[in-house]
Amino acid sequence: MSPANASDTTDKDHSVMYLNNYVSKKALTWMKKTDTIDPKKGLGWSANITVDGIDYASSGYFKKEKEALASAARNALIALDVDPATGKFK
C-alpha cells in the first residue's frame, strides 16, 4: 500500500480530496492499494482504502485506476460519516 494524496482524484469526483481533508483534520493516516484484476476482460483496477490500519472500503472493477480509487474513497467517506458529495461531516 502507498500513502495517498489529493492528486489521485479525478476531475469530476473529489472523494479522494475529501478523504484526504478528513484524515488531515483528525490527524489520521490513510493508505491506498490498487491492483490490476480480471485479465479476461482486459486491464482493470480495484482499490482498497485503509484508515489508520483499518480497512474501510474497496471498489469493484474499473477500467481506470483513478476511477477505482475514487469509488473506494466514496465508500470510505460514507463509512466515516462524511458526505462524499460535499466533504462535510454528517
C-alpha atoms as a PDB file:
ATOM      1  CA  MET A   1       0.000   0.000   0.000  1.00  0.00           C
ATOM      2  CA  SER A   2       1.119   3.517  -0.600  1.00  0.00           C
ATOM      3  CA  PRO A   3       0.213   6.829   1.024  1.00  0.00           C
ATOM      4  CA  ALA A   4      -2.473   8.584  -0.966  1.00  0.00           C
ATOM      5  CA  ASN A   5      -2.834  12.236  -1.823  1.00  0.00           C
ATOM      6  CA  ALA A   6      -5.310  14.675  -3.317  1.00  0.00           C
ATOM      7  CA  SER A   7      -3.751  14.462  -6.785  1.00  0.00           C
ATOM      8  CA  ASP A   8      -5.274  10.980  -7.061  1.00  0.00           C
ATOM      9  CA  THR A   9      -8.742  12.464  -7.566  1.00  0.00           C
ATOM     10  CA  THR A  10     -10.487  12.656 -10.933  1.00  0.00           C
ATOM     11  CA  ASP A  11     -11.646  15.968 -12.421  1.00  0.00           C
ATOM     12  CA  LYS A  12     -15.321  15.447 -11.541  1.00  0.00           C
ATOM     13  CA  ASP A  13     -15.011  13.391  -8.367  1.00  0.00           C
ATOM     14  CA  HIS A  14     -13.414  14.973  -5.321  1.00  0.00           C
ATOM     15  CA  SER A  15     -13.840  11.986  -2.994  1.00  0.00           C
ATOM     16  CA  VAL A  16     -10.106  11.392  -2.668  1.00  0.00           C
ATOM     17  CA  MET A  17      -9.523  15.052  -1.801  1.00  0.00           C
ATOM     18  CA  TYR A  18     -12.355  14.988   0.772  1.00  0.00           C
ATOM     19  CA  LEU A  19     -10.938  11.823   2.323  1.00  0.00           C
ATOM     20  CA  ASN A  20      -7.513  13.461   2.466  1.00  0.00           C
ATOM     21  CA  ASN A  21      -9.039  16.519   4.207  1.00  0.00           C
ATOM     22  CA  TYR A  22     -10.888  14.326   6.712  1.00  0.00           C
ATOM     23  CA  VAL A  23      -7.849  12.339   7.795  1.00  0.00           C
ATOM     24  CA  SER A  24      -5.740  15.518   7.996  1.00  0.00           C
ATOM     25  CA  LYS A  25      -8.238  17.171  10.358  1.00  0.00           C
ATOM     26  CA  LYS A  26      -8.400  14.049  12.521  1.00  0.00           C
ATOM     27  CA  ALA A  27      -4.594  13.554  12.487  1.00  0.00           C
ATOM     28  CA  LEU A  28      -5.021  10.116  10.885  1.00  0.00           C
ATOM     29  CA  THR A  29      -3.183   8.461   8.038  1.00  0.00           C
ATOM     30  CA  TRP A  30      -4.622   6.586   5.098  1.00  0.00           C
ATOM     31  CA  MET A  31      -3.295   4.202   2.525  1.00  0.00           C
ATOM     32  CA  LYS A  32      -4.462   3.148  -0.906  1.00  0.00           C
ATOM     33  CA  LYS A  33      -3.861  -0.107  -2.672  1.00  0.00           C
ATOM     34  CA  THR A  34      -4.791  -0.593  -6.300  1.00  0.00           C
ATOM     35  CA  ASP A  35      -4.490  -3.857  -8.167  1.00  0.00           C
ATOM     36  CA  THR A  36      -4.999  -4.964 -11.718  1.00  0.00           C
ATOM     37  CA  ILE A  37      -7.736  -7.562 -11.989  1.00  0.00           C
ATOM     38  CA  ASP A  38      -9.550  -9.843 -14.400  1.00  0.00           C
ATOM     39  CA  PRO A  39      -7.173 -10.336 -17.330  1.00  0.00           C
ATOM     40  CA  LYS A  40     -10.024 -11.944 -19.329  1.00  0.00           C
ATOM     41  CA  LYS A  41     -11.861  -8.590 -19.534  1.00  0.00           C
ATOM     42  CA  GLY A  42      -8.676  -6.675 -20.209  1.00  0.00           C
ATOM     43  CA  LEU A  43      -6.727  -4.492 -17.866  1.00  0.00           C
ATOM     44  CA  GLY A  44      -8.843  -3.241 -14.991  1.00  0.00           C
ATOM     45  CA  TRP A  45      -8.435  -1.948 -11.473  1.00  0.00           C
ATOM     46  CA  SER A  46      -9.806  -2.386  -7.988  1.00  0.00           C
ATOM     47  CA  ALA A  47      -8.883  -0.273  -4.961  1.00  0.00           C
ATOM     48  CA  ASN A  48      -8.848  -0.635  -1.174  1.00  0.00           C
ATOM     49  CA  ILE A  49      -8.759   2.185   1.394  1.00  0.00           C
ATOM     50  CA  THR A  50      -7.260   1.743   4.861  1.00  0.00           C
ATOM     51  CA  VAL A  51      -7.518   4.487   7.508  1.00  0.00           C
ATOM     52  CA  ASP A  52      -5.173   4.103  10.497  1.00  0.00           C
ATOM     53  CA  GLY A  53      -4.765   0.404   9.802  1.00  0.00           C
ATOM     54  CA  ILE A  54      -8.499  -0.360   9.496  1.00  0.00           C
ATOM     55  CA  ASP A  55      -9.885  -1.435   6.125  1.00  0.00           C
ATOM     56  CA  TYR A  56     -12.796   0.882   5.385  1.00  0.00           C
ATOM     57  CA  ALA A  57     -13.693   0.384   1.753  1.00  0.00           C
ATOM     58  CA  SER A  58     -12.970  -1.222  -1.561  1.00  0.00           C
ATOM     59  CA  SER A  59     -14.138  -0.811  -5.124  1.00  0.00           C
ATOM     60  CA  GLY A  60     -15.118  -3.154  -7.872  1.00  0.00           C
ATOM     61  CA  TYR A  61     -13.714  -3.427 -11.399  1.00  0.00           C
ATOM     62  CA  PHE A  62     -12.957  -0.182 -13.230  1.00  0.00           C
ATOM     63  CA  LYS A  63     -11.100   0.485 -16.484  1.00  0.00           C
ATOM     64  CA  LYS A  64      -9.049   3.315 -14.928  1.00  0.00           C
ATOM     65  CA  GLU A  65      -7.089   3.280 -11.677  1.00  0.00           C
ATOM     66  CA  LYS A  66      -8.332   6.754 -10.650  1.00  0.00           C
ATOM     67  CA  GLU A  67     -11.971   5.653 -11.075  1.00  0.00           C
ATOM     68  CA  ALA A  68     -11.405   2.644  -8.822  1.00  0.00           C
ATOM     69  CA  LEU A  69      -9.704   4.830  -6.224  1.00  0.00           C
ATOM     70  CA  ALA A  70     -12.492   7.436  -6.345  1.00  0.00           C
ATOM     71  CA  SER A  71     -15.120   4.720  -5.843  1.00  0.00           C
ATOM     72  CA  ALA A  72     -13.268   3.286  -2.841  1.00  0.00           C
ATOM     73  CA  ALA A  73     -12.787   6.798  -1.416  1.00  0.00           C
ATOM     74  CA  ARG A  74     -16.549   7.492  -1.706  1.00  0.00           C
ATOM     75  CA  ASN A  75     -17.281   4.248   0.136  1.00  0.00           C
ATOM     76  CA  ALA A  76     -14.738   5.118   2.844  1.00  0.00           C
ATOM     77  CA  LEU A  77     -16.269   8.570   3.315  1.00  0.00           C
ATOM     78  CA  ILE A  78     -19.699   7.000   3.783  1.00  0.00           C
ATOM     79  CA  ALA A  79     -18.255   4.604   6.372  1.00  0.00           C
ATOM     80  CA  LEU A  80     -16.660   7.572   8.174  1.00  0.00           C
ATOM     81  CA  ASP A  81     -19.963   9.559   8.196  1.00  0.00           C
ATOM     82  CA  VAL A  82     -18.717  12.172   5.738  1.00  0.00           C
ATOM     83  CA  ASP A  83     -20.901  13.274   2.818  1.00  0.00           C
ATOM     84  CA  PRO A  84     -18.987  12.128  -0.306  1.00  0.00           C
ATOM     85  CA  ALA A  85     -20.607  14.852  -2.432  1.00  0.00           C
ATOM     86  CA  THR A  86     -19.552  17.798  -0.251  1.00  0.00           C
ATOM     87  CA  GLY A  87     -16.880  16.503   2.121  1.00  0.00           C
ATOM     88  CA  LYS A  88     -18.870  17.789   5.107  1.00  0.00           C
ATOM     89  CA  PHE A  89     -19.286  15.794   8.299  1.00  0.00           C
ATOM     90  CA  LYS A  90     -22.762  14.375   8.843  1.00  0.00           C
END
